[in-house]
Amino acid sequence: ENRIETEYVFQDMDNLPEGFVTPIERQKPW
């Protein structure tokens, strides 16, 4: 962050297109 403009994005399993839901049993991102 001291060297260059920095931003963070989370790869959340539940970040899916509208109408889709992550199965409860899934353990890892997509």
PDB file of all heavy atoms in Angstrom:
ATOM      1  N   GLU A   1       0.818  -1.215   0.000  1.00  0.00           N
ATOM      2  CA  GLU A   1       0.000   0.000   0.000  1.00  0.00           C
ATOM      3  C   GLU A   1       0.852   1.266   0.000  1.00  0.00           C
ATOM      4  O   GLU A   1       0.403   2.322  -0.455  1.00  0.00           O
ATOM      5  CB  GLU A   1      -0.926  -0.001   1.222  1.00  0.00           C
ATOM      6  CG  GLU A   1      -2.038  -1.030   1.142  1.00  0.00           C
ATOM      7  CD  GLU A   1      -2.786  -1.178   2.460  1.00  0.00           C
ATOM      8  OE1 GLU A   1      -2.672  -0.267   3.305  1.00  0.00           O
ATOM      9  OE2 GLU A   1      -3.459  -2.204   2.650  1.00  0.00           O
ATOM     10  N   ASN A   2       2.065   1.170   0.498  1.00  0.00           N
ATOM     11  CA  ASN A   2       2.965   2.323   0.518  1.00  0.00           C
ATOM     12  C   ASN A   2       3.610   2.591  -0.841  1.00  0.00           C
ATOM     13  O   ASN A   2       4.232   3.636  -1.020  1.00  0.00           O
ATOM     14  CB  ASN A   2       4.069   2.119   1.563  1.00  0.00           C
ATOM     15  CG  ASN A   2       3.533   2.165   2.984  1.00  0.00           C
ATOM     16  OD1 ASN A   2       2.563   2.868   3.261  1.00  0.00           O
ATOM     17  ND2 ASN A   2       4.147   1.407   3.880  1.00  0.00           N
ATOM     18  N   ARG A   3       3.471   1.661  -1.762  1.00  0.00           N
ATOM     19  CA  ARG A   3       4.142   1.790  -3.059  1.00  0.00           C
ATOM     20  C   ARG A   3       3.196   2.101  -4.211  1.00  0.00           C
ATOM     21  O   ARG A   3       3.586   2.728  -5.190  1.00  0.00           O
ATOM     22  CB  ARG A   3       4.865   0.478  -3.404  1.00  0.00           C
ATOM     23  CG  ARG A   3       5.923   0.039  -2.421  1.00  0.00           C
ATOM     24  CD  ARG A   3       6.603  -1.211  -2.963  1.00  0.00           C
ATOM     25  NE  ARG A   3       7.237  -1.944  -1.885  1.00  0.00           N
ATOM     26  CZ  ARG A   3       7.398  -3.257  -1.887  1.00  0.00           C
ATOM     27  NH1 ARG A   3       6.940  -3.961  -2.898  1.00  0.00           N
ATOM     28  NH2 ARG A   3       8.010  -3.850  -0.877  1.00  0.00           N
ATOM     29  N   ILE A   4       1.952   1.613  -4.113  1.00  0.00           N
ATOM     30  CA  ILE A   4       1.050   1.685  -5.260  1.00  0.00           C
ATOM     31  C   ILE A   4      -0.389   1.674  -4.751  1.00  0.00           C
ATOM     32  O   ILE A   4      -0.667   1.139  -3.664  1.00  0.00           O
ATOM     33  CB  ILE A   4       1.307   0.488  -6.210  1.00  0.00           C
ATOM     34  CG1 ILE A   4       0.585   0.649  -7.552  1.00  0.00           C
ATOM     35  CG2 ILE A   4       0.957  -0.826  -5.548  1.00  0.00           C
ATOM     36  CD1 ILE A   4       0.988  -0.395  -8.588  1.00  0.00           C
ATOM     37  N   GLU A   5      -1.303   2.266  -5.498  1.00  0.00           N
ATOM     38  CA  GLU A   5      -2.721   2.217  -5.128  1.00  0.00           C
ATOM     39  C   GLU A   5      -3.143   0.754  -5.016  1.00  0.00           C
ATOM     40  O   GLU A   5      -2.916  -0.044  -5.928  1.00  0.00           O
ATOM     41  CB  GLU A   5      -3.576   2.929  -6.174  1.00  0.00           C
ATOM     42  CG  GLU A   5      -5.051   2.941  -5.825  1.00  0.00           C
ATOM     43  CD  GLU A   5      -5.915   3.585  -6.894  1.00  0.00           C
ATOM     44  OE1 GLU A   5      -5.362   4.204  -7.842  1.00  0.00           O
ATOM     45  OE2 GLU A   5      -7.155   3.454  -6.793  1.00  0.00           O
ATOM     46  N   THR A   6      -3.766   0.423  -3.893  1.00  0.00           N
ATOM     47  CA  THR A   6      -4.070  -0.977  -3.586  1.00  0.00           C
ATOM     48  C   THR A   6      -5.525  -1.136  -3.177  1.00  0.00           C
ATOM     49  O   THR A   6      -6.068  -0.320  -2.445  1.00  0.00           O
ATOM     50  CB  THR A   6      -3.168  -1.481  -2.442  1.00  0.00           C
ATOM     51  OG1 THR A   6      -1.794  -1.283  -2.793  1.00  0.00           O
ATOM     52  CG2 THR A   6      -3.405  -2.952  -2.162  1.00  0.00           C
ATOM     53  N   GLU A   7      -6.138  -2.202  -3.656  1.00  0.00           N
ATOM     54  CA  GLU A   7      -7.514  -2.502  -3.275  1.00  0.00           C
ATOM     55  C   GLU A   7      -7.631  -4.008  -3.048  1.00  0.00           C
ATOM     56  O   GLU A   7      -6.902  -4.795  -3.646  1.00  0.00           O
ATOM     57  CB  GLU A   7      -8.482  -2.039  -4.366  1.00  0.00           C
ATOM     58  CG  GLU A   7      -9.915  -1.947  -3.912  1.00  0.00           C
ATOM     59  CD  GLU A   7     -10.768  -1.008  -4.751  1.00  0.00           C
ATOM     60  OE1 GLU A   7     -10.212  -0.326  -5.637  1.00  0.00           O
ATOM     61  OE2 GLU A   7     -11.989  -0.970  -4.524  1.00  0.00           O
ATOM     62  N   TYR A   8      -8.571  -4.393  -2.188  1.00  0.00           N
ATOM     63  CA  TYR A   8      -8.773  -5.799  -1.867  1.00  0.00           C
ATOM     64  C   TYR A   8     -10.183  -6.219  -2.269  1.00  0.00           C
ATOM     65  O   TYR A   8     -11.148  -5.481  -2.057  1.00  0.00           O
ATOM     66  CB  TYR A   8      -8.577  -6.050  -0.371  1.00  0.00           C
ATOM     67  CG  TYR A   8      -7.206  -5.668   0.127  1.00  0.00           C
ATOM     68  CD1 TYR A   8      -6.967  -4.374   0.605  1.00  0.00           C
ATOM     69  CD2 TYR A   8      -6.154  -6.577   0.110  1.00  0.00           C
ATOM     70  CE1 TYR A   8      -5.701  -4.010   1.052  1.00  0.00           C
ATOM     71  CE2 TYR A   8      -4.890  -6.214   0.559  1.00  0.00           C
ATOM     72  CZ  TYR A   8      -4.669  -4.933   1.020  1.00  0.00           C
ATOM     73  OH  TYR A   8      -3.423  -4.566   1.451  1.00  0.00           O
ATOM     74  N   VAL A   9     -10.268  -7.421  -2.815  1.00  0.00           N
ATOM     75  CA  VAL A   9     -11.558  -8.003  -3.182  1.00  0.00           C
ATOM     76  C   VAL A   9     -11.624  -9.384  -2.555  1.00  0.00           C
ATOM     77  O   VAL A   9     -10.638 -10.133  -2.574  1.00  0.00           O
ATOM     78  CB  VAL A   9     -11.710  -8.111  -4.720  1.00  0.00           C
ATOM     79  CG1 VAL A   9     -12.926  -8.949  -5.081  1.00  0.00           C
ATOM     80  CG2 VAL A   9     -11.816  -6.731  -5.345  1.00  0.00           C
ATOM     81  N   PHE A  10     -12.764  -9.732  -1.991  1.00  0.00           N
ATOM     82  CA  PHE A  10     -12.918 -11.050  -1.381  1.00  0.00           C
ATOM     83  C   PHE A  10     -13.566 -12.019  -2.360  1.00  0.00           C
ATOM     84  O   PHE A  10     -14.578 -11.702  -2.986  1.00  0.00           O
ATOM     85  CB  PHE A  10     -13.777 -10.962  -0.122  1.00  0.00           C
ATOM     86  CG  PHE A  10     -13.168 -10.113   0.953  1.00  0.00           C
ATOM     87  CD1 PHE A  10     -13.762  -8.916   1.338  1.00  0.00           C
ATOM     88  CD2 PHE A  10     -11.983 -10.501   1.579  1.00  0.00           C
ATOM     89  CE1 PHE A  10     -13.204  -8.129   2.323  1.00  0.00           C
ATOM     90  CE2 PHE A  10     -11.410  -9.713   2.574  1.00  0.00           C
ATOM     91  CZ  PHE A  10     -12.022  -8.531   2.942  1.00  0.00           C
ATOM     92  N   GLN A  11     -12.960 -13.200  -2.481  1.00  0.00           N
ATOM     93  CA  GLN A  11     -13.568 -14.254  -3.288  1.00  0.00           C
ATOM     94  C   GLN A  11     -14.474 -15.072  -2.378  1.00  0.00           C
ATOM     95  O   GLN A  11     -14.095 -16.111  -1.849  1.00  0.00           O
ATOM     96  CB  GLN A  11     -12.518 -15.140  -3.941  1.00  0.00           C
ATOM     97  CG  GLN A  11     -13.142 -16.150  -4.909  1.00  0.00           C
ATOM     98  CD  GLN A  11     -12.114 -16.997  -5.644  1.00  0.00           C
ATOM     99  OE1 GLN A  11     -10.912 -16.866  -5.420  1.00  0.00           O
ATOM    100  NE2 GLN A  11     -12.574 -17.880  -6.510  1.00  0.00           N
ATOM    101  N   ASP A  12     -15.692 -14.582  -2.210  1.00  0.00           N
ATOM    102  CA  ASP A  12     -16.660 -15.240  -1.346  1.00  0.00           C
ATOM    103  C   ASP A  12     -17.452 -16.274  -2.138  1.00  0.00           C
ATOM    104  O   ASP A  12     -17.947 -15.976  -3.232  1.00  0.00           O
ATOM    105  CB  ASP A  12     -17.635 -14.214  -0.752  1.00  0.00           C
ATOM    106  CG  ASP A  12     -16.975 -13.318   0.282  1.00  0.00           C
ATOM    107  OD1 ASP A  12     -16.011 -13.772   0.918  1.00  0.00           O
ATOM    108  OD2 ASP A  12     -17.425 -12.163   0.447  1.00  0.00           O
ATOM    109  N   MET A  13     -17.608 -17.449  -1.580  1.00  0.00           N
ATOM    110  CA  MET A  13     -18.357 -18.506  -2.263  1.00  0.00           C
ATOM    111  C   MET A  13     -19.786 -18.094  -2.580  1.00  0.00           C
ATOM    112  O   MET A  13     -20.380 -18.551  -3.557  1.00  0.00           O
ATOM    113  CB  MET A  13     -18.358 -19.778  -1.412  1.00  0.00           C
ATOM    114  CG  MET A  13     -17.086 -20.574  -1.489  1.00  0.00           C
ATOM    115  SD  MET A  13     -17.305 -22.251  -0.839  1.00  0.00           S
ATOM    116  CE  MET A  13     -17.687 -21.903   0.873  1.00  0.00           C
ATOM    117  N   ASP A  14     -20.348 -17.235  -1.751  1.00  0.00           N
ATOM    118  CA  ASP A  14     -21.742 -16.842  -1.937  1.00  0.00           C
ATOM    119  C   ASP A  14     -21.926 -15.700  -2.930  1.00  0.00           C
ATOM    120  O   ASP A  14     -23.056 -15.284  -3.195  1.00  0.00           O
ATOM    121  CB  ASP A  14     -22.356 -16.438  -0.596  1.00  0.00           C
ATOM    122  CG  ASP A  14     -22.452 -17.622   0.364  1.00  0.00           C
ATOM    123  OD1 ASP A  14     -22.589 -18.760  -0.116  1.00  0.00           O
ATOM    124  OD2 ASP A  14     -22.387 -17.400   1.583  1.00  0.00           O
ATOM    125  N   ASN A  15     -20.833 -15.186  -3.488  1.00  0.00           N
ATOM    126  CA  ASN A  15     -20.918 -14.135  -4.503  1.00  0.00           C
ATOM    127  C   ASN A  15     -21.185 -14.785  -5.853  1.00  0.00           C
ATOM    128  O   ASN A  15     -20.274 -15.099  -6.609  1.00  0.00           O
ATOM    129  CB  ASN A  15     -19.624 -13.322  -4.534  1.00  0.00           C
ATOM    130  CG  ASN A  15     -19.681 -12.200  -5.556  1.00  0.00           C
ATOM    131  OD1 ASN A  15     -20.745 -11.862  -6.086  1.00  0.00           O
ATOM    132  ND2 ASN A  15     -18.528 -11.619  -5.854  1.00  0.00           N
ATOM    133  N   LEU A  16     -22.472 -14.998  -6.135  1.00  0.00           N
ATOM    134  CA  LEU A  16     -22.895 -15.692  -7.342  1.00  0.00           C
ATOM    135  C   LEU A  16     -23.881 -14.843  -8.127  1.00  0.00           C
ATOM    136  O   LEU A  16     -24.501 -13.920  -7.589  1.00  0.00           O
ATOM    137  CB  LEU A  16     -23.569 -17.025  -6.980  1.00  0.00           C
ATOM    138  CG  LEU A  16     -22.726 -18.048  -6.217  1.00  0.00           C
ATOM    139  CD1 LEU A  16     -23.585 -19.258  -5.855  1.00  0.00           C
ATOM    140  CD2 LEU A  16     -21.529 -18.482  -7.048  1.00  0.00           C
ATOM    141  N   PRO A  17     -24.038 -15.126  -9.431  1.00  0.00           N
ATOM    142  CA  PRO A  17     -25.056 -14.420 -10.202  1.00  0.00           C
ATOM    143  C   PRO A  17     -26.440 -14.617  -9.585  1.00  0.00           C
ATOM    144  O   PRO A  17     -26.687 -15.613  -8.891  1.00  0.00           O
ATOM    145  CB  PRO A  17     -24.970 -15.087 -11.586  1.00  0.00           C
ATOM    146  CG  PRO A  17     -23.581 -15.637 -11.660  1.00  0.00           C
ATOM    147  CD  PRO A  17     -23.249 -16.053 -10.260  1.00  0.00           C
ATOM    148  N   GLU A  18     -27.308 -13.678  -9.854  1.00  0.00           N
ATOM    149  CA  GLU A  18     -28.657 -13.708  -9.273  1.00  0.00           C
ATOM    150  C   GLU A  18     -29.349 -15.034  -9.586  1.00  0.00           C
ATOM    151  O   GLU A  18     -29.313 -15.534 -10.703  1.00  0.00           O
ATOM    152  CB  GLU A  18     -29.482 -12.543  -9.820  1.00  0.00           C
ATOM    153  CG  GLU A  18     -30.824 -12.367  -9.148  1.00  0.00           C
ATOM    154  CD  GLU A  18     -31.557 -11.126  -9.617  1.00  0.00           C
ATOM    155  OE1 GLU A  18     -30.937 -10.296 -10.316  1.00  0.00           O
ATOM    156  OE2 GLU A  18     -32.746 -10.979  -9.282  1.00  0.00           O
ATOM    157  N   GLY A  19     -29.991 -15.595  -8.560  1.00  0.00           N
ATOM    158  CA  GLY A  19     -30.749 -16.823  -8.747  1.00  0.00           C
ATOM    159  C   GLY A  19     -30.007 -18.088  -8.350  1.00  0.00           C
ATOM    160  O   GLY A  19     -30.587 -19.185  -8.356  1.00  0.00           O
ATOM    161  N   PHE A  20     -28.726 -17.966  -7.974  1.00  0.00           N
ATOM    162  CA  PHE A  20     -27.938 -19.138  -7.606  1.00  0.00           C
ATOM    163  C   PHE A  20     -27.524 -19.060  -6.138  1.00  0.00           C
ATOM    164  O   PHE A  20     -27.282 -17.972  -5.604  1.00  0.00           O
ATOM    165  CB  PHE A  20     -26.696 -19.256  -8.495  1.00  0.00           C
ATOM    166  CG  PHE A  20     -27.018 -19.532  -9.936  1.00  0.00           C
ATOM    167  CD1 PHE A  20     -27.138 -18.484 -10.846  1.00  0.00           C
ATOM    168  CD2 PHE A  20     -27.231 -20.833 -10.377  1.00  0.00           C
ATOM    169  CE1 PHE A  20     -27.450 -18.726 -12.167  1.00  0.00           C
ATOM    170  CE2 PHE A  20     -27.546 -21.087 -11.701  1.00  0.00           C
ATOM    171  CZ  PHE A  20     -27.654 -20.031 -12.607  1.00  0.00           C
ATOM    172  N   VAL A  21     -27.444 -20.222  -5.514  1.00  0.00           N
ATOM    173  CA  VAL A  21     -27.082 -20.316  -4.106  1.00  0.00           C
ATOM    174  C   VAL A  21     -26.000 -21.374  -3.940  1.00  0.00           C
ATOM    175  O   VAL A  21     -26.058 -22.442  -4.562  1.00  0.00           O
ATOM    176  CB  VAL A  21     -28.306 -20.695  -3.235  1.00  0.00           C
ATOM    177  CG1 VAL A  21     -27.897 -20.841  -1.775  1.00  0.00           C
ATOM    178  CG2 VAL A  21     -29.403 -19.649  -3.381  1.00  0.00           C
ATOM    179  N   THR A  22     -25.009 -21.093  -3.103  1.00  0.00           N
ATOM    180  CA  THR A  22     -23.935 -22.045  -2.851  1.00  0.00           C
ATOM    181  C   THR A  22     -24.428 -23.198  -1.973  1.00  0.00           C
ATOM    182  O   THR A  22     -25.053 -22.946  -0.939  1.00  0.00           O
ATOM    183  CB  THR A  22     -22.756 -21.351  -2.142  1.00  0.00           C
ATOM    184  OG1 THR A  22     -22.261 -20.306  -2.959  1.00  0.00           O
ATOM    185  CG2 THR A  22     -21.629 -22.345  -1.868  1.00  0.00           C
ATOM    186  N   PRO A  23     -24.166 -24.448  -2.368  1.00  0.00           N
ATOM    187  CA  PRO A  23     -24.537 -25.580  -1.509  1.00  0.00           C
ATOM    188  C   PRO A  23     -23.855 -25.466  -0.144  1.00  0.00           C
ATOM    189  O   PRO A  23     -22.681 -25.092  -0.050  1.00  0.00           O
ATOM    190  CB  PRO A  23     -24.002 -26.798  -2.280  1.00  0.00           C
ATOM    191  CG  PRO A  23     -23.889 -26.345  -3.701  1.00  0.00           C
ATOM    192  CD  PRO A  23     -23.540 -24.890  -3.637  1.00  0.00           C
ATOM    193  N   ILE A  24     -24.573 -25.785   0.893  1.00  0.00           N
ATOM    194  CA  ILE A  24     -24.053 -25.671   2.253  1.00  0.00           C
ATOM    195  C   ILE A  24     -22.789 -26.502   2.436  1.00  0.00           C
ATOM    196  O   ILE A  24     -21.859 -26.099   3.139  1.00  0.00           O
ATOM    197  CB  ILE A  24     -25.129 -26.118   3.278  1.00  0.00           C
ATOM    198  CG1 ILE A  24     -26.327 -25.162   3.236  1.00  0.00           C
ATOM    199  CG2 ILE A  24     -24.546 -26.185   4.684  1.00  0.00           C
ATOM    200  CD1 ILE A  24     -27.483 -25.585   4.103  1.00  0.00           C
ATOM    201  N   GLU A  25     -22.710 -27.637   1.739  1.00  0.00           N
ATOM    202  CA  GLU A  25     -21.584 -28.555   1.944  1.00  0.00           C
ATOM    203  C   GLU A  25     -20.323 -28.136   1.192  1.00  0.00           C
ATOM    204  O   GLU A  25     -19.244 -28.693   1.432  1.00  0.00           O
ATOM    205  CB  GLU A  25     -21.981 -29.966   1.492  1.00  0.00           C
ATOM    206  CG  GLU A  25     -23.155 -30.566   2.256  1.00  0.00           C
ATOM    207  CD  GLU A  25     -24.485 -30.217   1.620  1.00  0.00           C
ATOM    208  OE1 GLU A  25     -24.492 -29.356   0.697  1.00  0.00           O
ATOM    209  OE2 GLU A  25     -25.511 -30.781   2.047  1.00  0.00           O
ATOM    210  N   ARG A  26     -20.410 -27.166   0.270  1.00  0.00           N
ATOM    211  CA  ARG A  26     -19.220 -26.794  -0.495  1.00  0.00           C
ATOM    212  C   ARG A  26     -18.199 -26.115   0.412  1.00  0.00           C
ATOM    213  O   ARG A  26     -18.542 -25.242   1.204  1.00  0.00           O
ATOM    214  CB  ARG A  26     -19.587 -25.865  -1.666  1.00  0.00           C
ATOM    215  CG  ARG A  26     -18.397 -25.636  -2.611  1.00  0.00           C
ATOM    216  CD  ARG A  26     -18.752 -24.844  -3.854  1.00  0.00           C
ATOM    217  NE  ARG A  26     -17.549 -24.593  -4.644  1.00  0.00           N
ATOM    218  CZ  ARG A  26     -17.160 -25.296  -5.697  1.00  0.00           C
ATOM    219  NH1 ARG A  26     -17.893 -26.323  -6.107  1.00  0.00           N
ATOM    220  NH2 ARG A  26     -16.055 -25.005  -6.336  1.00  0.00           N
ATOM    221  N   GLN A  27     -16.921 -26.514   0.235  1.00  0.00           N
ATOM    222  CA  GLN A  27     -15.870 -26.043   1.137  1.00  0.00           C
ATOM    223  C   GLN A  27     -14.912 -25.040   0.505  1.00  0.00           C
ATOM    224  O   GLN A  27     -14.146 -24.398   1.222  1.00  0.00           O
ATOM    225  CB  GLN A  27     -15.057 -27.245   1.637  1.00  0.00           C
ATOM    226  CG  GLN A  27     -15.860 -28.244   2.440  1.00  0.00           C
ATOM    227  CD  GLN A  27     -16.364 -27.657   3.743  1.00  0.00           C
ATOM    228  OE1 GLN A  27     -15.616 -27.007   4.471  1.00  0.00           O
ATOM    229  NE2 GLN A  27     -17.640 -27.866   4.031  1.00  0.00           N
ATOM    230  N   LYS A  28     -14.902 -24.887  -0.814  1.00  0.00           N
ATOM    231  CA  LYS A  28     -13.909 -24.028  -1.457  1.00  0.00           C
ATOM    232  C   LYS A  28     -14.547 -23.113  -2.485  1.00  0.00           C
ATOM    233  O   LYS A  28     -15.655 -23.369  -2.965  1.00  0.00           O
ATOM    234  CB  LYS A  28     -12.828 -24.883  -2.122  1.00  0.00           C
ATOM    235  CG  LYS A  28     -13.344 -25.812  -3.217  1.00  0.00           C
ATOM    236  CD  LYS A  28     -12.186 -26.611  -3.803  1.00  0.00           C
ATOM    237  CE  LYS A  28     -12.666 -27.544  -4.910  1.00  0.00           C
ATOM    238  NZ  LYS A  28     -11.540 -28.307  -5.510  1.00  0.00           N
ATOM    239  N   PRO A  29     -13.860 -22.006  -2.840  1.00  0.00           N
ATOM    240  CA  PRO A  29     -14.380 -21.092  -3.855  1.00  0.00           C
ATOM    241  C   PRO A  29     -14.555 -21.776  -5.203  1.00  0.00           C
ATOM    242  O   PRO A  29     -14.172 -22.934  -5.382  1.00  0.00           O
ATOM    243  CB  PRO A  29     -13.307 -19.993  -3.916  1.00  0.00           C
ATOM    244  CG  PRO A  29     -12.614 -20.056  -2.601  1.00  0.00           C
ATOM    245  CD  PRO A  29     -12.612 -21.510  -2.226  1.00  0.00           C
ATOM    246  N   TRP A  30     -15.070 -21.035  -6.169  1.00  0.00           N
ATOM    247  CA  TRP A  30     -15.508 -21.628  -7.424  1.00  0.00           C
ATOM    248  C   TRP A  30     -14.453 -21.604  -8.540  1.00  0.00           C
ATOM    249  O   TRP A  30     -14.769 -21.877  -9.683  1.00  0.00           O
ATOM    250  CB  TRP A  30     -16.768 -20.907  -7.898  1.00  0.00           C
ATOM    251  CG  TRP A  30     -17.955 -21.077  -7.003  1.00  0.00           C
ATOM    252  CD1 TRP A  30     -18.344 -20.269  -5.983  1.00  0.00           C
ATOM    253  CD2 TRP A  30     -18.907 -22.149  -7.041  1.00  0.00           C
ATOM    254  NE1 TRP A  30     -19.470 -20.751  -5.380  1.00  0.00           N
ATOM    255  CE2 TRP A  30     -19.851 -21.908  -6.015  1.00  0.00           C
ATOM    256  CE3 TRP A  30     -19.065 -23.278  -7.848  1.00  0.00           C
ATOM    257  CZ2 TRP A  30     -20.930 -22.755  -5.769  1.00  0.00           C
ATOM    258  CZ3 TRP A  30     -20.136 -24.119  -7.610  1.00  0.00           C
ATOM    259  CH2 TRP A  30     -21.060 -23.867  -6.584  1.00  0.00           C
TER     260      TRP A  30
END
